[in-house]
Amino acid sequence: MKKYVALAALMACVPGTAFAQDKPEPKLDGVRVEARIGYETPTVSGGGSIYKIGSAVSYGGELGFDLKAGKHVTVGPYAVYEFSSVSLCDSTGCIKENGNLGAGGRLGFIAGDAVIYAKVGYGRISFSGTGSVAGFEAHKDGVQGAIGVDFNVNKNVYLMIEGNYADYGKLFGTNLQRRQLAGGLGVRF
């Protein structure tokens, strides 16, 4: 009787073992392309006060390359561009944020099917005006950073969430910053 119980237990384990071997390893390095959507708040500050230019949706994409630099570490460059719908209007006209460009480096730590990462790099924000400020255009360069995580949902596709901060220094005598929370869908090749 003990032989039959042992044989039944062994047979019950075989399909599970075969199923576990069929799961493909997630791809956590290589070229990646990402579609992103976020919520951002550009602010100006001076004299101890902080003023929001506005809060609105941003959307765009990121292109990057992650290289394994050890069993649990990835490094690589990235470039991102996001359009923005932020605007500040009064009776005389509107100032609109046109978009944000970023490029820099990313350091990731592999944790199972996820990569927890930090980014630092160059950022450029663009504004334009309408109404009485028509023809107004300004671009400001600065430093940006982010922390985030991407999690593979299959071998090549991942979901991501990220928090960003950029400091552009002074624009017309006031400090300019940008805060953003973004999520997205990416593919690694």
N, C-alpha and C. Protein backbone atom coordinates (compact mmCIF):
# COMPACT_ATOMS: atom_id res chain seq x y z
N MET A 1 0.82 -1.20 0.00
CA MET A 1 0.00 0.00 0.00
C MET A 1 0.86 1.26 0.00
N LYS A 2 1.95 1.24 0.77
CA LYS A 2 2.86 2.40 0.84
C LYS A 2 3.46 2.70 -0.53
N LYS A 3 3.71 1.68 -1.34
CA LYS A 3 4.28 1.88 -2.67
C LYS A 3 3.31 2.65 -3.56
N TYR A 4 2.01 2.33 -3.46
CA TYR A 4 1.00 3.01 -4.28
C TYR A 4 0.85 4.48 -3.87
N VAL A 5 0.90 4.76 -2.58
CA VAL A 5 0.80 6.15 -2.09
C VAL A 5 2.02 6.94 -2.56
N ALA A 6 3.20 6.36 -2.46
CA ALA A 6 4.42 7.03 -2.90
C ALA A 6 4.39 7.29 -4.40
N LEU A 7 3.91 6.29 -5.19
CA LEU A 7 3.81 6.45 -6.63
C LEU A 7 2.81 7.54 -7.00
N ALA A 8 1.67 7.60 -6.31
CA ALA A 8 0.66 8.64 -6.56
C ALA A 8 1.22 10.02 -6.23
N ALA A 9 1.96 10.14 -5.14
CA ALA A 9 2.57 11.43 -4.77
C ALA A 9 3.59 11.86 -5.81
N LEU A 10 4.37 10.92 -6.31
CA LEU A 10 5.36 11.23 -7.34
C LEU A 10 4.70 11.68 -8.63
N MET A 11 3.64 11.01 -9.03
CA MET A 11 2.92 11.38 -10.25
C MET A 11 2.26 12.75 -10.12
N ALA A 12 1.81 13.10 -8.93
CA ALA A 12 1.19 14.40 -8.72
C ALA A 12 2.20 15.52 -8.87
N CYS A 13 3.45 15.27 -8.56
CA CYS A 13 4.50 16.29 -8.66
C CYS A 13 5.01 16.51 -10.07
N VAL A 14 4.94 15.52 -10.93
CA VAL A 14 5.50 15.60 -12.28
C VAL A 14 4.89 16.71 -13.11
N PRO A 15 3.53 16.85 -13.21
CA PRO A 15 2.99 17.94 -14.03
C PRO A 15 3.39 19.32 -13.51
N GLY A 16 3.47 19.49 -12.21
CA GLY A 16 3.87 20.79 -11.64
C GLY A 16 5.30 21.13 -11.98
N THR A 17 6.16 20.11 -11.96
CA THR A 17 7.57 20.33 -12.31
C THR A 17 7.70 20.71 -13.77
N ALA A 18 6.98 20.03 -14.63
CA ALA A 18 7.04 20.35 -16.06
C ALA A 18 6.49 21.74 -16.32
N PHE A 19 5.41 22.13 -15.62
CA PHE A 19 4.83 23.46 -15.80
C PHE A 19 5.81 24.54 -15.35
N ALA A 20 6.51 24.32 -14.24
CA ALA A 20 7.45 25.32 -13.73
C ALA A 20 8.59 25.54 -14.71
N GLN A 21 8.98 24.49 -15.43
CA GLN A 21 10.08 24.63 -16.38
C GLN A 21 9.66 25.37 -17.64
N ASP A 22 8.36 25.44 -17.94
CA ASP A 22 7.88 26.12 -19.14
C ASP A 22 7.87 27.64 -19.02
N LYS A 23 7.91 28.17 -17.82
CA LYS A 23 7.86 29.63 -17.64
C LYS A 23 9.16 30.26 -18.14
N PRO A 24 9.08 31.17 -19.12
CA PRO A 24 10.30 31.77 -19.65
C PRO A 24 10.89 32.78 -18.66
N GLU A 25 12.19 32.87 -18.69
CA GLU A 25 12.88 33.86 -17.85
C GLU A 25 12.57 35.26 -18.38
N PRO A 26 12.26 36.21 -17.49
CA PRO A 26 11.99 37.57 -17.96
C PRO A 26 13.26 38.22 -18.49
N LYS A 27 13.11 39.03 -19.52
CA LYS A 27 14.24 39.78 -20.08
C LYS A 27 14.35 41.07 -19.29
N LEU A 28 15.47 41.26 -18.60
CA LEU A 28 15.66 42.43 -17.74
C LEU A 28 16.79 43.33 -18.23
N ASP A 29 17.32 43.06 -19.42
CA ASP A 29 18.34 43.92 -20.00
C ASP A 29 18.11 44.02 -21.49
N GLY A 30 18.82 44.94 -22.14
CA GLY A 30 18.67 45.14 -23.57
C GLY A 30 17.98 46.46 -23.89
N VAL A 31 17.68 46.66 -25.16
CA VAL A 31 16.99 47.87 -25.62
C VAL A 31 15.56 47.84 -25.11
N ARG A 32 15.06 48.99 -24.64
CA ARG A 32 13.68 49.06 -24.17
C ARG A 32 13.01 50.31 -24.73
N VAL A 33 11.72 50.17 -25.01
CA VAL A 33 10.88 51.26 -25.50
C VAL A 33 9.66 51.32 -24.59
N GLU A 34 9.30 52.54 -24.18
CA GLU A 34 8.28 52.71 -23.15
C GLU A 34 7.29 53.79 -23.55
N ALA A 35 6.00 53.52 -23.40
CA ALA A 35 4.95 54.54 -23.54
C ALA A 35 4.58 54.97 -22.12
N ARG A 36 4.51 56.30 -21.89
CA ARG A 36 4.33 56.82 -20.53
C ARG A 36 3.17 57.81 -20.47
N ILE A 37 2.50 57.82 -19.32
CA ILE A 37 1.52 58.84 -19.02
C ILE A 37 1.73 59.24 -17.57
N GLY A 38 1.58 60.53 -17.27
CA GLY A 38 1.85 60.99 -15.92
C GLY A 38 1.00 62.17 -15.51
N TYR A 39 1.22 62.58 -14.29
CA TYR A 39 0.58 63.77 -13.74
C TYR A 39 1.70 64.63 -13.19
N GLU A 40 1.79 65.87 -13.66
CA GLU A 40 2.92 66.72 -13.30
C GLU A 40 2.49 68.06 -12.75
N THR A 41 3.41 68.66 -11.99
CA THR A 41 3.19 69.98 -11.40
C THR A 41 4.48 70.79 -11.51
N PRO A 42 4.59 71.68 -12.50
CA PRO A 42 5.71 72.61 -12.51
C PRO A 42 5.43 73.74 -11.50
N THR A 43 6.45 74.15 -10.77
CA THR A 43 6.30 75.21 -9.77
C THR A 43 7.40 76.24 -9.90
N VAL A 44 7.11 77.44 -9.44
CA VAL A 44 8.12 78.48 -9.29
C VAL A 44 8.16 78.86 -7.82
N SER A 45 9.33 79.24 -7.34
CA SER A 45 9.46 79.62 -5.94
C SER A 45 10.40 80.80 -5.81
N GLY A 46 10.17 81.56 -4.77
CA GLY A 46 10.99 82.72 -4.47
C GLY A 46 10.43 83.44 -3.26
N GLY A 47 11.30 84.01 -2.46
CA GLY A 47 10.86 84.75 -1.28
C GLY A 47 10.15 83.89 -0.26
N GLY A 48 10.49 82.60 -0.20
CA GLY A 48 9.87 81.71 0.76
C GLY A 48 8.52 81.16 0.34
N SER A 49 8.03 81.47 -0.86
CA SER A 49 6.73 80.98 -1.32
C SER A 49 6.91 80.10 -2.55
N ILE A 50 6.00 79.13 -2.69
CA ILE A 50 5.99 78.23 -3.85
C ILE A 50 4.65 78.39 -4.55
N TYR A 51 4.68 78.59 -5.87
CA TYR A 51 3.47 78.76 -6.67
C TYR A 51 3.42 77.71 -7.76
N LYS A 52 2.28 77.04 -7.90
CA LYS A 52 2.08 76.08 -8.98
C LYS A 52 1.76 76.82 -10.27
N ILE A 53 2.46 76.48 -11.32
CA ILE A 53 2.09 76.99 -12.64
C ILE A 53 0.81 76.30 -13.07
N GLY A 54 0.65 75.06 -12.66
CA GLY A 54 -0.54 74.26 -12.96
C GLY A 54 -0.23 72.81 -12.69
N SER A 55 -1.23 71.98 -12.74
CA SER A 55 -1.09 70.53 -12.63
C SER A 55 -1.92 69.90 -13.74
N ALA A 56 -1.34 68.96 -14.45
CA ALA A 56 -2.06 68.37 -15.57
C ALA A 56 -1.37 67.09 -16.02
N VAL A 57 -1.94 66.49 -17.05
CA VAL A 57 -1.45 65.23 -17.61
C VAL A 57 -0.27 65.50 -18.55
N SER A 58 0.69 64.60 -18.50
CA SER A 58 1.78 64.59 -19.47
C SER A 58 1.80 63.19 -20.11
N TYR A 59 2.31 63.11 -21.33
CA TYR A 59 2.36 61.83 -22.02
C TYR A 59 3.51 61.84 -23.01
N GLY A 60 4.10 60.69 -23.22
CA GLY A 60 5.23 60.62 -24.14
C GLY A 60 5.85 59.24 -24.15
N GLY A 61 7.16 59.19 -24.37
CA GLY A 61 7.84 57.91 -24.45
C GLY A 61 9.28 58.00 -24.02
N GLU A 62 9.83 56.84 -23.75
CA GLU A 62 11.24 56.75 -23.34
C GLU A 62 11.90 55.63 -24.13
N LEU A 63 13.15 55.85 -24.49
CA LEU A 63 13.99 54.87 -25.15
C LEU A 63 15.22 54.68 -24.28
N GLY A 64 15.58 53.43 -24.00
CA GLY A 64 16.74 53.19 -23.16
C GLY A 64 17.43 51.90 -23.51
N PHE A 65 18.57 51.70 -22.88
CA PHE A 65 19.32 50.46 -23.03
C PHE A 65 19.86 50.08 -21.66
N ASP A 66 19.51 48.87 -21.20
CA ASP A 66 19.99 48.38 -19.92
C ASP A 66 20.99 47.26 -20.17
N LEU A 67 22.14 47.35 -19.53
CA LEU A 67 23.20 46.36 -19.66
C LEU A 67 23.43 45.74 -18.29
N LYS A 68 23.45 44.41 -18.22
CA LYS A 68 23.73 43.75 -16.94
C LYS A 68 25.18 44.03 -16.56
N ALA A 69 25.37 44.54 -15.34
CA ALA A 69 26.70 44.84 -14.83
C ALA A 69 26.97 43.99 -13.60
N GLY A 70 26.44 42.80 -13.59
CA GLY A 70 26.53 41.89 -12.46
C GLY A 70 25.25 41.08 -12.43
N LYS A 71 25.16 40.16 -11.48
CA LYS A 71 24.00 39.28 -11.42
C LYS A 71 22.71 40.05 -11.11
N HIS A 72 22.78 41.09 -10.30
CA HIS A 72 21.59 41.81 -9.86
C HIS A 72 21.62 43.30 -10.18
N VAL A 73 22.48 43.76 -11.09
CA VAL A 73 22.63 45.18 -11.38
C VAL A 73 22.56 45.43 -12.88
N THR A 74 21.84 46.49 -13.28
CA THR A 74 21.84 46.94 -14.67
C THR A 74 22.22 48.42 -14.71
N VAL A 75 22.86 48.84 -15.78
CA VAL A 75 23.21 50.24 -16.01
C VAL A 75 22.95 50.56 -17.47
N GLY A 76 22.67 51.84 -17.75
CA GLY A 76 22.51 52.22 -19.14
C GLY A 76 21.94 53.60 -19.32
N PRO A 77 21.97 54.09 -20.56
CA PRO A 77 21.45 55.42 -20.88
C PRO A 77 19.95 55.38 -21.16
N TYR A 78 19.33 56.56 -21.09
CA TYR A 78 17.92 56.71 -21.44
C TYR A 78 17.71 58.09 -22.07
N ALA A 79 16.66 58.20 -22.86
CA ALA A 79 16.20 59.49 -23.39
C ALA A 79 14.68 59.47 -23.35
N VAL A 80 14.08 60.57 -22.88
CA VAL A 80 12.63 60.63 -22.70
C VAL A 80 12.13 61.97 -23.23
N TYR A 81 10.95 61.96 -23.85
CA TYR A 81 10.27 63.20 -24.21
C TYR A 81 8.81 63.05 -23.84
N GLU A 82 8.27 64.08 -23.17
CA GLU A 82 6.86 64.07 -22.77
C GLU A 82 6.22 65.40 -23.13
N PHE A 83 5.05 65.32 -23.74
CA PHE A 83 4.23 66.49 -24.01
C PHE A 83 3.45 66.81 -22.73
N SER A 84 3.04 68.07 -22.59
CA SER A 84 2.35 68.47 -21.37
C SER A 84 1.09 69.25 -21.71
N SER A 85 0.09 69.17 -20.82
CA SER A 85 -1.12 69.98 -20.98
C SER A 85 -1.24 71.03 -19.87
N VAL A 86 -0.13 71.33 -19.19
CA VAL A 86 -0.13 72.35 -18.13
C VAL A 86 -0.22 73.74 -18.76
N SER A 87 -1.11 74.57 -18.21
CA SER A 87 -1.19 75.97 -18.63
C SER A 87 -1.66 76.83 -17.47
N LEU A 88 -1.27 78.10 -17.50
CA LEU A 88 -1.67 79.08 -16.50
C LEU A 88 -2.26 80.26 -17.27
N CYS A 89 -3.56 80.53 -17.06
CA CYS A 89 -4.24 81.57 -17.83
C CYS A 89 -4.86 82.61 -16.89
N ASP A 90 -4.88 83.85 -17.37
CA ASP A 90 -5.65 84.92 -16.71
C ASP A 90 -6.34 85.72 -17.81
N SER A 91 -6.87 86.87 -17.49
CA SER A 91 -7.63 87.65 -18.47
C SER A 91 -6.78 88.20 -19.61
N THR A 92 -5.46 88.22 -19.43
CA THR A 92 -4.59 88.78 -20.47
C THR A 92 -3.98 87.75 -21.40
N GLY A 93 -3.96 86.48 -20.99
CA GLY A 93 -3.36 85.46 -21.84
C GLY A 93 -2.99 84.22 -21.05
N CYS A 94 -2.31 83.33 -21.73
CA CYS A 94 -1.92 82.04 -21.13
C CYS A 94 -0.45 81.76 -21.35
N ILE A 95 0.14 81.10 -20.35
CA ILE A 95 1.47 80.53 -20.48
C ILE A 95 1.27 79.02 -20.45
N LYS A 96 1.81 78.34 -21.46
CA LYS A 96 1.61 76.89 -21.59
C LYS A 96 2.96 76.19 -21.59
N GLU A 97 3.01 75.08 -20.85
CA GLU A 97 4.19 74.23 -20.91
C GLU A 97 4.05 73.36 -22.14
N ASN A 98 5.06 73.37 -23.01
CA ASN A 98 4.99 72.59 -24.24
C ASN A 98 5.48 71.16 -24.08
N GLY A 99 6.55 70.98 -23.33
CA GLY A 99 7.08 69.62 -23.17
C GLY A 99 8.35 69.58 -22.38
N ASN A 100 8.79 68.35 -22.14
CA ASN A 100 9.98 68.09 -21.34
C ASN A 100 10.85 67.06 -22.05
N LEU A 101 12.13 67.37 -22.13
CA LEU A 101 13.12 66.47 -22.71
C LEU A 101 14.08 66.07 -21.60
N GLY A 102 14.44 64.80 -21.57
CA GLY A 102 15.41 64.34 -20.58
C GLY A 102 16.33 63.30 -21.17
N ALA A 103 17.57 63.25 -20.67
CA ALA A 103 18.53 62.24 -21.09
C ALA A 103 19.53 62.05 -19.96
N GLY A 104 19.93 60.82 -19.74
CA GLY A 104 20.88 60.57 -18.67
C GLY A 104 21.17 59.10 -18.51
N GLY A 105 21.48 58.72 -17.26
CA GLY A 105 21.83 57.34 -16.95
C GLY A 105 20.87 56.74 -15.94
N ARG A 106 20.78 55.42 -16.01
CA ARG A 106 19.87 54.67 -15.13
C ARG A 106 20.66 53.53 -14.49
N LEU A 107 20.48 53.36 -13.18
CA LEU A 107 21.09 52.28 -12.41
C LEU A 107 19.96 51.44 -11.83
N GLY A 108 19.92 50.15 -12.16
CA GLY A 108 18.84 49.28 -11.71
C GLY A 108 19.33 48.14 -10.85
N PHE A 109 18.45 47.68 -9.96
CA PHE A 109 18.72 46.53 -9.10
C PHE A 109 17.64 45.48 -9.37
N ILE A 110 18.04 44.30 -9.81
CA ILE A 110 17.11 43.24 -10.16
C ILE A 110 16.62 42.55 -8.90
N ALA A 111 15.29 42.44 -8.78
CA ALA A 111 14.66 41.75 -7.65
C ALA A 111 13.58 40.84 -8.22
N GLY A 112 13.93 39.60 -8.53
CA GLY A 112 12.98 38.67 -9.15
C GLY A 112 12.63 39.09 -10.56
N ASP A 113 11.34 39.34 -10.83
CA ASP A 113 10.89 39.79 -12.15
C ASP A 113 10.84 41.30 -12.27
N ALA A 114 11.38 42.03 -11.30
CA ALA A 114 11.31 43.49 -11.27
C ALA A 114 12.70 44.11 -11.30
N VAL A 115 12.75 45.37 -11.76
CA VAL A 115 13.96 46.18 -11.69
C VAL A 115 13.59 47.45 -10.93
N ILE A 116 14.25 47.65 -9.80
CA ILE A 116 14.09 48.88 -9.02
C ILE A 116 15.24 49.79 -9.45
N TYR A 117 14.91 51.03 -9.86
CA TYR A 117 15.96 51.84 -10.48
C TYR A 117 15.95 53.30 -10.00
N ALA A 118 17.08 53.94 -10.27
CA ALA A 118 17.24 55.38 -10.05
C ALA A 118 17.83 55.96 -11.33
N LYS A 119 17.39 57.17 -11.68
CA LYS A 119 17.88 57.84 -12.88
C LYS A 119 18.36 59.24 -12.51
N VAL A 120 19.36 59.71 -13.20
CA VAL A 120 19.81 61.10 -13.06
C VAL A 120 20.30 61.56 -14.43
N GLY A 121 20.03 62.85 -14.73
CA GLY A 121 20.45 63.34 -16.03
C GLY A 121 20.07 64.78 -16.28
N TYR A 122 20.12 65.14 -17.53
CA TYR A 122 19.83 66.48 -18.03
C TYR A 122 18.33 66.59 -18.31
N GLY A 123 17.75 67.75 -18.00
CA GLY A 123 16.36 68.00 -18.32
C GLY A 123 16.20 69.36 -19.00
N ARG A 124 15.22 69.47 -19.90
CA ARG A 124 14.92 70.74 -20.59
C ARG A 124 13.41 70.89 -20.65
N ILE A 125 12.91 72.02 -20.18
CA ILE A 125 11.48 72.30 -20.17
C ILE A 125 11.23 73.50 -21.10
N SER A 126 10.09 73.50 -21.80
CA SER A 126 9.76 74.55 -22.77
C SER A 126 8.39 75.15 -22.46
N PHE A 127 8.30 76.48 -22.56
CA PHE A 127 7.05 77.21 -22.35
C PHE A 127 6.79 78.12 -23.55
N SER A 128 5.50 78.45 -23.79
CA SER A 128 5.13 79.45 -24.80
C SER A 128 3.92 80.21 -24.29
N GLY A 129 3.66 81.37 -24.91
CA GLY A 129 2.56 82.21 -24.46
C GLY A 129 1.58 82.53 -25.57
N THR A 130 0.32 82.83 -25.16
CA THR A 130 -0.73 83.27 -26.07
C THR A 130 -1.39 84.51 -25.48
N GLY A 131 -2.23 85.18 -26.25
CA GLY A 131 -2.88 86.40 -25.77
C GLY A 131 -1.90 87.54 -25.74
N SER A 132 -1.90 88.31 -24.66
CA SER A 132 -0.99 89.46 -24.57
C SER A 132 0.46 89.04 -24.44
N VAL A 133 0.70 87.75 -24.11
CA VAL A 133 2.08 87.26 -24.05
C VAL A 133 2.41 86.40 -25.29
N ALA A 134 1.64 86.57 -26.37
CA ALA A 134 1.87 85.82 -27.61
C ALA A 134 3.28 86.06 -28.09
N GLY A 135 3.88 85.03 -28.61
CA GLY A 135 5.26 85.11 -29.07
C GLY A 135 6.26 84.82 -27.98
N PHE A 136 5.80 84.70 -26.74
CA PHE A 136 6.69 84.37 -25.62
C PHE A 136 7.10 82.91 -25.72
N GLU A 137 8.38 82.66 -25.71
CA GLU A 137 8.91 81.30 -25.68
C GLU A 137 10.10 81.29 -24.76
N ALA A 138 10.17 80.26 -23.93
CA ALA A 138 11.30 80.12 -23.01
C ALA A 138 11.64 78.64 -22.88
N HIS A 139 12.93 78.37 -22.81
CA HIS A 139 13.44 77.03 -22.57
C HIS A 139 14.40 77.13 -21.40
N LYS A 140 14.37 76.15 -20.54
CA LYS A 140 15.27 76.17 -19.39
C LYS A 140 15.86 74.78 -19.20
N ASP A 141 17.16 74.72 -19.01
CA ASP A 141 17.88 73.47 -18.80
C ASP A 141 18.14 73.26 -17.32
N GLY A 142 18.23 72.02 -16.91
CA GLY A 142 18.52 71.72 -15.52
C GLY A 142 18.87 70.27 -15.30
N VAL A 143 18.73 69.85 -14.05
CA VAL A 143 19.06 68.49 -13.63
C VAL A 143 17.77 67.79 -13.22
N GLN A 144 17.62 66.54 -13.64
CA GLN A 144 16.45 65.78 -13.25
C GLN A 144 16.87 64.43 -12.67
N GLY A 145 16.01 63.88 -11.83
CA GLY A 145 16.25 62.57 -11.25
C GLY A 145 14.93 61.84 -11.07
N ALA A 146 15.00 60.53 -10.91
CA ALA A 146 13.79 59.74 -10.75
C ALA A 146 14.12 58.46 -9.99
N ILE A 147 13.10 57.92 -9.33
CA ILE A 147 13.18 56.58 -8.78
C ILE A 147 11.93 55.84 -9.25
N GLY A 148 12.08 54.55 -9.49
CA GLY A 148 10.93 53.80 -9.99
C GLY A 148 11.15 52.31 -9.96
N VAL A 149 10.15 51.62 -10.46
CA VAL A 149 10.23 50.16 -10.57
C VAL A 149 9.50 49.73 -11.84
N ASP A 150 10.09 48.76 -12.55
CA ASP A 150 9.36 48.12 -13.64
C ASP A 150 9.27 46.63 -13.33
N PHE A 151 8.12 46.06 -13.67
CA PHE A 151 7.83 44.67 -13.33
C PHE A 151 7.40 43.93 -14.60
N ASN A 152 8.11 42.86 -14.93
CA ASN A 152 7.79 42.09 -16.13
C ASN A 152 6.47 41.35 -15.97
N VAL A 153 5.59 41.49 -16.96
CA VAL A 153 4.33 40.74 -16.98
C VAL A 153 4.43 39.51 -17.88
N ASN A 154 5.43 39.49 -18.76
CA ASN A 154 5.81 38.28 -19.49
C ASN A 154 7.28 38.44 -19.86
N LYS A 155 7.78 37.66 -20.77
CA LYS A 155 9.22 37.69 -21.05
C LYS A 155 9.74 39.06 -21.46
N ASN A 156 9.02 39.79 -22.32
CA ASN A 156 9.53 41.05 -22.85
C ASN A 156 8.75 42.28 -22.45
N VAL A 157 7.54 42.16 -21.92
CA VAL A 157 6.68 43.30 -21.63
C VAL A 157 6.70 43.59 -20.13
N TYR A 158 6.78 44.89 -19.80
CA TYR A 158 6.78 45.29 -18.39
C TYR A 158 5.88 46.48 -18.16
N LEU A 159 5.42 46.62 -16.92
CA LEU A 159 4.71 47.79 -16.44
C LEU A 159 5.65 48.58 -15.56
N MET A 160 5.53 49.91 -15.55
CA MET A 160 6.42 50.71 -14.73
C MET A 160 5.66 51.81 -14.00
N ILE A 161 6.23 52.25 -12.88
CA ILE A 161 5.76 53.43 -12.15
C ILE A 161 7.00 54.17 -11.67
N GLU A 162 6.93 55.51 -11.73
CA GLU A 162 8.13 56.31 -11.48
C GLU A 162 7.78 57.67 -10.91
N GLY A 163 8.57 58.15 -9.98
CA GLY A 163 8.46 59.51 -9.46
C GLY A 163 9.65 60.32 -9.94
N ASN A 164 9.38 61.52 -10.47
CA ASN A 164 10.43 62.38 -11.05
C ASN A 164 10.49 63.73 -10.35
N TYR A 165 11.68 64.30 -10.34
CA TYR A 165 11.87 65.67 -9.87
C TYR A 165 12.94 66.31 -10.75
N ALA A 166 12.71 67.56 -11.15
CA ALA A 166 13.69 68.30 -11.94
C ALA A 166 13.84 69.69 -11.35
N ASP A 167 15.06 70.18 -11.33
CA ASP A 167 15.36 71.55 -10.88
C ASP A 167 16.06 72.26 -12.03
N TYR A 168 15.43 73.33 -12.51
CA TYR A 168 15.94 74.06 -13.68
C TYR A 168 16.66 75.35 -13.31
N GLY A 169 16.84 75.62 -12.03
CA GLY A 169 17.49 76.86 -11.63
C GLY A 169 16.53 78.03 -11.76
N LYS A 170 17.07 79.20 -12.08
CA LYS A 170 16.25 80.42 -12.13
C LYS A 170 15.76 80.72 -13.55
N LEU A 171 14.46 81.03 -13.64
CA LEU A 171 13.85 81.50 -14.88
C LEU A 171 13.19 82.83 -14.57
N PHE A 172 13.67 83.90 -15.18
CA PHE A 172 13.18 85.27 -14.92
C PHE A 172 13.24 85.60 -13.43
N GLY A 173 14.31 85.18 -12.77
CA GLY A 173 14.53 85.54 -11.37
C GLY A 173 13.83 84.66 -10.35
N THR A 174 13.10 83.63 -10.78
CA THR A 174 12.46 82.72 -9.82
C THR A 174 12.93 81.29 -10.09
N ASN A 175 12.95 80.49 -9.04
CA ASN A 175 13.37 79.09 -9.17
C ASN A 175 12.27 78.28 -9.84
N LEU A 176 12.65 77.40 -10.75
CA LEU A 176 11.70 76.59 -11.50
C LEU A 176 11.98 75.11 -11.25
N GLN A 177 10.94 74.37 -10.82
CA GLN A 177 11.04 72.94 -10.60
C GLN A 177 9.87 72.23 -11.27
N ARG A 178 10.00 70.91 -11.38
CA ARG A 178 8.92 70.08 -11.93
C ARG A 178 8.86 68.77 -11.15
N ARG A 179 7.66 68.42 -10.73
CA ARG A 179 7.43 67.15 -10.05
C ARG A 179 6.44 66.34 -10.89
N GLN A 180 6.67 65.03 -10.97
CA GLN A 180 5.80 64.20 -11.81
C GLN A 180 5.73 62.77 -11.26
N LEU A 181 4.56 62.18 -11.36
CA LEU A 181 4.35 60.76 -11.10
C LEU A 181 3.88 60.15 -12.43
N ALA A 182 4.61 59.14 -12.90
CA ALA A 182 4.31 58.56 -14.22
C ALA A 182 4.17 57.05 -14.13
N GLY A 183 3.39 56.51 -15.04
CA GLY A 183 3.25 55.06 -15.20
C GLY A 183 3.30 54.73 -16.67
N GLY A 184 3.52 53.47 -16.98
CA GLY A 184 3.57 53.14 -18.40
C GLY A 184 3.75 51.67 -18.68
N LEU A 185 3.87 51.39 -19.97
CA LEU A 185 4.01 50.05 -20.50
C LEU A 185 5.24 50.03 -21.39
N GLY A 186 6.11 49.05 -21.20
CA GLY A 186 7.34 48.99 -21.97
C GLY A 186 7.59 47.61 -22.56
N VAL A 187 8.48 47.58 -23.54
CA VAL A 187 8.90 46.34 -24.19
C VAL A 187 10.41 46.33 -24.26
N ARG A 188 11.01 45.19 -23.87
CA ARG A 188 12.46 45.00 -24.00
C ARG A 188 12.75 44.06 -25.17
N PHE A 189 13.76 44.41 -25.94
CA PHE A 189 14.14 43.60 -27.12
C PHE A 189 15.46 42.90 -26.88
